[in-house]
Amino acid sequence: MRKVVLLALICLLLVGIGCNWAHIGRHVQKIRDDLAKFHEDVDRLIFDMEWMPAESASPYPIDW
């Protein structure tokens, strides 16, 4: 419950300081990109695993 309240407060703060939804979407996309890059770095540096093209972002095939 605390996480939901915290998320709601952050959203209200962002909207209250003048960010529109498109701009907030850019923030969210940047956070997602940074987390994905961080995950790749952890795999490469800690586990010595290189990225494989067969490991796509989607767990399911796109072309059916």
PDB file of N, CA and C in Angstrom:
ATOM      1  N   MET A   1       0.821  -1.191   0.000  1.00  0.00           N
ATOM      2  CA  MET A   1       0.000   0.000   0.000  1.00  0.00           C
ATOM      3  C   MET A   1       0.865   1.254   0.000  1.00  0.00           C
ATOM      4  N   ARG A   2       1.970   1.194   0.728  1.00  0.00           N
ATOM      5  CA  ARG A   2       2.858   2.354   0.787  1.00  0.00           C
ATOM      6  C   ARG A   2       3.431   2.682  -0.585  1.00  0.00           C
ATOM      7  N   LYS A   3       3.730   1.634  -1.363  1.00  0.00           N
ATOM      8  CA  LYS A   3       4.288   1.856  -2.695  1.00  0.00           C
ATOM      9  C   LYS A   3       3.288   2.553  -3.609  1.00  0.00           C
ATOM     10  N   VAL A   4       2.028   2.183  -3.498  1.00  0.00           N
ATOM     11  CA  VAL A   4       0.991   2.807  -4.319  1.00  0.00           C
ATOM     12  C   VAL A   4       0.843   4.277  -3.958  1.00  0.00           C
ATOM     13  N   VAL A   5       0.850   4.565  -2.676  1.00  0.00           N
ATOM     14  CA  VAL A   5       0.738   5.952  -2.226  1.00  0.00           C
ATOM     15  C   VAL A   5       1.955   6.753  -2.685  1.00  0.00           C
ATOM     16  N   LEU A   6       3.142   6.171  -2.558  1.00  0.00           N
ATOM     17  CA  LEU A   6       4.349   6.850  -3.000  1.00  0.00           C
ATOM     18  C   LEU A   6       4.306   7.120  -4.506  1.00  0.00           C
ATOM     19  N   LEU A   7       3.875   6.145  -5.277  1.00  0.00           N
ATOM     20  CA  LEU A   7       3.756   6.331  -6.724  1.00  0.00           C
ATOM     21  C   LEU A   7       2.748   7.422  -7.058  1.00  0.00           C
ATOM     22  N   ALA A   8       1.634   7.445  -6.366  1.00  0.00           N
ATOM     23  CA  ALA A   8       0.625   8.485  -6.596  1.00  0.00           C
ATOM     24  C   ALA A   8       1.177   9.863  -6.256  1.00  0.00           C
ATOM     25  N   LEU A   9       1.921   9.974  -5.182  1.00  0.00           N
ATOM     26  CA  LEU A   9       2.516  11.259  -4.813  1.00  0.00           C
ATOM     27  C   LEU A   9       3.546  11.719  -5.837  1.00  0.00           C
ATOM     28  N   ILE A  10       4.338  10.794  -6.342  1.00  0.00           N
ATOM     29  CA  ILE A  10       5.315  11.149  -7.368  1.00  0.00           C
ATOM     30  C   ILE A  10       4.608  11.622  -8.632  1.00  0.00           C
ATOM     31  N   CYS A  11       3.544  10.926  -9.017  1.00  0.00           N
ATOM     32  CA  CYS A  11       2.777  11.339 -10.201  1.00  0.00           C
ATOM     33  C   CYS A  11       2.174  12.726 -10.007  1.00  0.00           C
ATOM     34  N   LEU A  12       1.616  12.972  -8.861  1.00  0.00           N
ATOM     35  CA  LEU A  12       1.044  14.293  -8.588  1.00  0.00           C
ATOM     36  C   LEU A  12       2.123  15.369  -8.599  1.00  0.00           C
ATOM     37  N   LEU A  13       3.277  15.052  -8.075  1.00  0.00           N
ATOM     38  CA  LEU A  13       4.377  16.015  -8.072  1.00  0.00           C
ATOM     39  C   LEU A  13       4.807  16.342  -9.495  1.00  0.00           C
ATOM     40  N   LEU A  14       4.948  15.309 -10.332  1.00  0.00           N
ATOM     41  CA  LEU A  14       5.366  15.535 -11.716  1.00  0.00           C
ATOM     42  C   LEU A  14       4.337  16.350 -12.487  1.00  0.00           C
ATOM     43  N   VAL A  15       3.075  16.018 -12.310  1.00  0.00           N
ATOM     44  CA  VAL A  15       2.024  16.762 -13.001  1.00  0.00           C
ATOM     45  C   VAL A  15       1.938  18.178 -12.453  1.00  0.00           C
ATOM     46  N   GLY A  16       2.123  18.307 -11.147  1.00  0.00           N
ATOM     47  CA  GLY A  16       2.016  19.612 -10.511  1.00  0.00           C
ATOM     48  C   GLY A  16       3.122  20.571 -10.908  1.00  0.00           C
ATOM     49  N   ILE A  17       4.292  20.058 -11.298  1.00  0.00           N
ATOM     50  CA  ILE A  17       5.382  20.964 -11.655  1.00  0.00           C
ATOM     51  C   ILE A  17       5.386  21.290 -13.146  1.00  0.00           C
ATOM     52  N   GLY A  18       4.380  20.867 -13.868  1.00  0.00           N
ATOM     53  CA  GLY A  18       4.250  21.285 -15.253  1.00  0.00           C
ATOM     54  C   GLY A  18       4.557  20.231 -16.296  1.00  0.00           C
ATOM     55  N   CYS A  19       4.876  19.024 -15.904  1.00  0.00           N
ATOM     56  CA  CYS A  19       5.133  17.980 -16.895  1.00  0.00           C
ATOM     57  C   CYS A  19       3.802  17.474 -17.449  1.00  0.00           C
ATOM     58  N   ASN A  20       3.686  17.456 -18.770  1.00  0.00           N
ATOM     59  CA  ASN A  20       2.487  16.862 -19.357  1.00  0.00           C
ATOM     60  C   ASN A  20       2.717  15.362 -19.531  1.00  0.00           C
ATOM     61  N   TRP A  21       1.689  14.644 -19.957  1.00  0.00           N
ATOM     62  CA  TRP A  21       1.781  13.188 -20.008  1.00  0.00           C
ATOM     63  C   TRP A  21       2.807  12.714 -21.026  1.00  0.00           C
ATOM     64  N   ALA A  22       2.980  13.426 -22.129  1.00  0.00           N
ATOM     65  CA  ALA A  22       3.983  13.035 -23.120  1.00  0.00           C
ATOM     66  C   ALA A  22       5.390  13.140 -22.523  1.00  0.00           C
ATOM     67  N   HIS A  23       5.621  14.189 -21.771  1.00  0.00           N
ATOM     68  CA  HIS A  23       6.928  14.379 -21.151  1.00  0.00           C
ATOM     69  C   HIS A  23       7.167  13.332 -20.061  1.00  0.00           C
ATOM     70  N   ILE A  24       6.152  13.028 -19.292  1.00  0.00           N
ATOM     71  CA  ILE A  24       6.266  11.981 -18.270  1.00  0.00           C
ATOM     72  C   ILE A  24       6.554  10.635 -18.938  1.00  0.00           C
ATOM     73  N   GLY A  25       5.918  10.395 -20.075  1.00  0.00           N
ATOM     74  CA  GLY A  25       6.180   9.167 -20.830  1.00  0.00           C
ATOM     75  C   GLY A  25       7.635   9.059 -21.251  1.00  0.00           C
ATOM     76  N   ARG A  26       8.232  10.191 -21.611  1.00  0.00           N
ATOM     77  CA  ARG A  26       9.650  10.202 -21.953  1.00  0.00           C
ATOM     78  C   ARG A  26      10.500   9.854 -20.746  1.00  0.00           C
ATOM     79  N   HIS A  27      10.108  10.342 -19.568  1.00  0.00           N
ATOM     80  CA  HIS A  27      10.830   9.989 -18.336  1.00  0.00           C
ATOM     81  C   HIS A  27      10.753   8.481 -18.093  1.00  0.00           C
ATOM     82  N   VAL A  28       9.563   7.932 -18.214  1.00  0.00           N
ATOM     83  CA  VAL A  28       9.366   6.498 -17.967  1.00  0.00           C
ATOM     84  C   VAL A  28      10.169   5.679 -18.968  1.00  0.00           C
ATOM     85  N   GLN A  29      10.142   6.067 -20.238  1.00  0.00           N
ATOM     86  CA  GLN A  29      10.895   5.332 -21.259  1.00  0.00           C
ATOM     87  C   GLN A  29      12.393   5.390 -20.984  1.00  0.00           C
ATOM     88  N   LYS A  30      12.878   6.539 -20.560  1.00  0.00           N
ATOM     89  CA  LYS A  30      14.306   6.683 -20.239  1.00  0.00           C
ATOM     90  C   LYS A  30      14.689   5.796 -19.054  1.00  0.00           C
ATOM     91  N   ILE A  31      13.832   5.741 -18.049  1.00  0.00           N
ATOM     92  CA  ILE A  31      14.088   4.879 -16.893  1.00  0.00           C
ATOM     93  C   ILE A  31      14.143   3.416 -17.326  1.00  0.00           C
ATOM     94  N   ARG A  32      13.194   3.012 -18.177  1.00  0.00           N
ATOM     95  CA  ARG A  32      13.181   1.628 -18.673  1.00  0.00           C
ATOM     96  C   ARG A  32      14.444   1.317 -19.476  1.00  0.00           C
ATOM     97  N   ASP A  33      14.863   2.253 -20.335  1.00  0.00           N
ATOM     98  CA  ASP A  33      16.080   2.053 -21.127  1.00  0.00           C
ATOM     99  C   ASP A  33      17.309   1.943 -20.226  1.00  0.00           C
ATOM    100  N   ASP A  34      17.368   2.800 -19.207  1.00  0.00           N
ATOM    101  CA  ASP A  34      18.507   2.760 -18.285  1.00  0.00           C
ATOM    102  C   ASP A  34      18.542   1.446 -17.499  1.00  0.00           C
ATOM    103  N   LEU A  35      17.380   0.963 -17.075  1.00  0.00           N
ATOM    104  CA  LEU A  35      17.335  -0.315 -16.351  1.00  0.00           C
ATOM    105  C   LEU A  35      17.742  -1.474 -17.256  1.00  0.00           C
ATOM    106  N   ALA A  36      17.327  -1.446 -18.517  1.00  0.00           N
ATOM    107  CA  ALA A  36      17.712  -2.500 -19.457  1.00  0.00           C
ATOM    108  C   ALA A  36      19.222  -2.488 -19.682  1.00  0.00           C
ATOM    109  N   LYS A  37      19.794  -1.295 -19.835  1.00  0.00           N
ATOM    110  CA  LYS A  37      21.239  -1.170 -20.012  1.00  0.00           C
ATOM    111  C   LYS A  37      21.978  -1.646 -18.755  1.00  0.00           C
ATOM    112  N   PHE A  38      21.457  -1.293 -17.592  1.00  0.00           N
ATOM    113  CA  PHE A  38      22.053  -1.745 -16.333  1.00  0.00           C
ATOM    114  C   PHE A  38      22.036  -3.271 -16.248  1.00  0.00           C
ATOM    115  N   HIS A  39      20.929  -3.880 -16.646  1.00  0.00           N
ATOM    116  CA  HIS A  39      20.804  -5.342 -16.632  1.00  0.00           C
ATOM    117  C   HIS A  39      21.849  -5.970 -17.553  1.00  0.00           C
ATOM    118  N   GLU A  40      22.022  -5.403 -18.744  1.00  0.00           N
ATOM    119  CA  GLU A  40      23.038  -5.907 -19.667  1.00  0.00           C
ATOM    120  C   GLU A  40      24.439  -5.780 -19.064  1.00  0.00           C
ATOM    121  N   ASP A  41      24.706  -4.646 -18.409  1.00  0.00           N
ATOM    122  CA  ASP A  41      26.015  -4.443 -17.793  1.00  0.00           C
ATOM    123  C   ASP A  41      26.269  -5.443 -16.672  1.00  0.00           C
ATOM    124  N   VAL A  42      25.262  -5.717 -15.859  1.00  0.00           N
ATOM    125  CA  VAL A  42      25.409  -6.704 -14.779  1.00  0.00           C
ATOM    126  C   VAL A  42      25.689  -8.081 -15.366  1.00  0.00           C
ATOM    127  N   ASP A  43      24.940  -8.453 -16.410  1.00  0.00           N
ATOM    128  CA  ASP A  43      25.172  -9.752 -17.041  1.00  0.00           C
ATOM    129  C   ASP A  43      26.592  -9.858 -17.592  1.00  0.00           C
ATOM    130  N   ARG A  44      27.051  -8.781 -18.215  1.00  0.00           N
ATOM    131  CA  ARG A  44      28.366  -8.808 -18.848  1.00  0.00           C
ATOM    132  C   ARG A  44      29.491  -8.761 -17.818  1.00  0.00           C
ATOM    133  N   LEU A  45      29.393  -7.870 -16.837  1.00  0.00           N
ATOM    134  CA  LEU A  45      30.490  -7.666 -15.901  1.00  0.00           C
ATOM    135  C   LEU A  45      30.544  -8.690 -14.775  1.00  0.00           C
ATOM    136  N   ILE A  46      29.403  -9.027 -14.228  1.00  0.00           N
ATOM    137  CA  ILE A  46      29.391  -9.938 -13.077  1.00  0.00           C
ATOM    138  C   ILE A  46      29.327 -11.396 -13.512  1.00  0.00           C
ATOM    139  N   PHE A  47      28.455 -11.701 -14.479  1.00  0.00           N
ATOM    140  CA  PHE A  47      28.250 -13.092 -14.869  1.00  0.00           C
ATOM    141  C   PHE A  47      29.017 -13.481 -16.128  1.00  0.00           C
ATOM    142  N   ASP A  48      29.737 -12.527 -16.743  1.00  0.00           N
ATOM    143  CA  ASP A  48      30.516 -12.771 -17.954  1.00  0.00           C
ATOM    144  C   ASP A  48      29.648 -13.387 -19.058  1.00  0.00           C
ATOM    145  N   MET A  49      28.461 -12.839 -19.220  1.00  0.00           N
ATOM    146  CA  MET A  49      27.522 -13.299 -20.246  1.00  0.00           C
ATOM    147  C   MET A  49      27.382 -12.207 -21.295  1.00  0.00           C
ATOM    148  N   GLU A  50      27.655 -12.547 -22.528  1.00  0.00           N
ATOM    149  CA  GLU A  50      27.471 -11.595 -23.622  1.00  0.00           C
ATOM    150  C   GLU A  50      26.030 -11.644 -24.091  1.00  0.00           C
ATOM    151  N   TRP A  51      25.595 -10.524 -24.674  1.00  0.00           N
ATOM    152  CA  TRP A  51      24.234 -10.449 -25.198  1.00  0.00           C
ATOM    153  C   TRP A  51      24.100 -11.355 -26.410  1.00  0.00           C
ATOM    154  N   MET A  52      22.985 -12.062 -26.497  1.00  0.00           N
ATOM    155  CA  MET A  52      22.731 -12.960 -27.626  1.00  0.00           C
ATOM    156  C   MET A  52      21.522 -12.444 -28.388  1.00  0.00           C
ATOM    157  N   PRO A  53      21.605 -12.370 -29.718  1.00  0.00           N
ATOM    158  CA  PRO A  53      20.466 -11.886 -30.503  1.00  0.00           C
ATOM    159  C   PRO A  53      19.213 -12.737 -30.319  1.00  0.00           C
ATOM    160  N   ALA A  54      19.377 -14.004 -29.974  1.00  0.00           N
ATOM    161  CA  ALA A  54      18.216 -14.877 -29.787  1.00  0.00           C
ATOM    162  C   ALA A  54      17.405 -14.473 -28.557  1.00  0.00           C
ATOM    163  N   GLU A  55      18.024 -13.732 -27.648  1.00  0.00           N
ATOM    164  CA  GLU A  55      17.324 -13.272 -26.449  1.00  0.00           C
ATOM    165  C   GLU A  55      16.686 -11.922 -26.750  1.00  0.00           C
ATOM    166  N   SER A  56      15.479 -11.958 -27.250  1.00  0.00           N
ATOM    167  CA  SER A  56      14.810 -10.719 -27.601  1.00  0.00           C
ATOM    168  C   SER A  56      14.114 -10.134 -26.392  1.00  0.00           C
ATOM    169  N   ALA A  57      13.631  -8.900 -26.543  1.00  0.00           N
ATOM    170  CA  ALA A  57      12.903  -8.244 -25.457  1.00  0.00           C
ATOM    171  C   ALA A  57      11.551  -8.894 -25.226  1.00  0.00           C
ATOM    172  N   SER A  58      11.026  -9.535 -26.249  1.00  0.00           N
ATOM    173  CA  SER A  58       9.722 -10.175 -26.140  1.00  0.00           C
ATOM    174  C   SER A  58       9.901 -11.664 -25.872  1.00  0.00           C
ATOM    175  N   PRO A  59       9.230 -12.188 -24.847  1.00  0.00           N
ATOM    176  CA  PRO A  59       9.375 -13.616 -24.567  1.00  0.00           C
ATOM    177  C   PRO A  59       8.627 -14.499 -25.561  1.00  0.00           C
ATOM    178  N   TYR A  60       7.773 -13.903 -26.370  1.00  0.00           N
ATOM    179  CA  TYR A  60       6.982 -14.642 -27.332  1.00  0.00           C
ATOM    180  C   TYR A  60       7.345 -14.197 -28.744  1.00  0.00           C
ATOM    181  N   PRO A  61       7.236 -15.079 -29.713  1.00  0.00           N
ATOM    182  CA  PRO A  61       7.543 -14.674 -31.081  1.00  0.00           C
ATOM    183  C   PRO A  61       6.579 -13.608 -31.583  1.00  0.00           C
ATOM    184  N   ILE A  62       7.110 -12.638 -32.288  1.00  0.00           N
ATOM    185  CA  ILE A  62       6.275 -11.554 -32.809  1.00  0.00           C
ATOM    186  C   ILE A  62       5.568 -11.976 -34.079  1.00  0.00           C
ATOM    187  N   ASP A  63       6.282 -12.698 -34.955  1.00  0.00           N
ATOM    188  CA  ASP A  63       5.690 -13.178 -36.213  1.00  0.00           C
ATOM    189  C   ASP A  63       5.079 -14.545 -35.988  1.00  0.00           C
ATOM    190  N   TRP A  64       3.780 -14.648 -36.162  1.00  0.00           N
ATOM    191  CA  TRP A  64       3.105 -15.930 -35.943  1.00  0.00           C
ATOM    192  C   TRP A  64       2.881 -16.598 -37.241  1.00  0.00           C
TER     193      TRP A  64
END
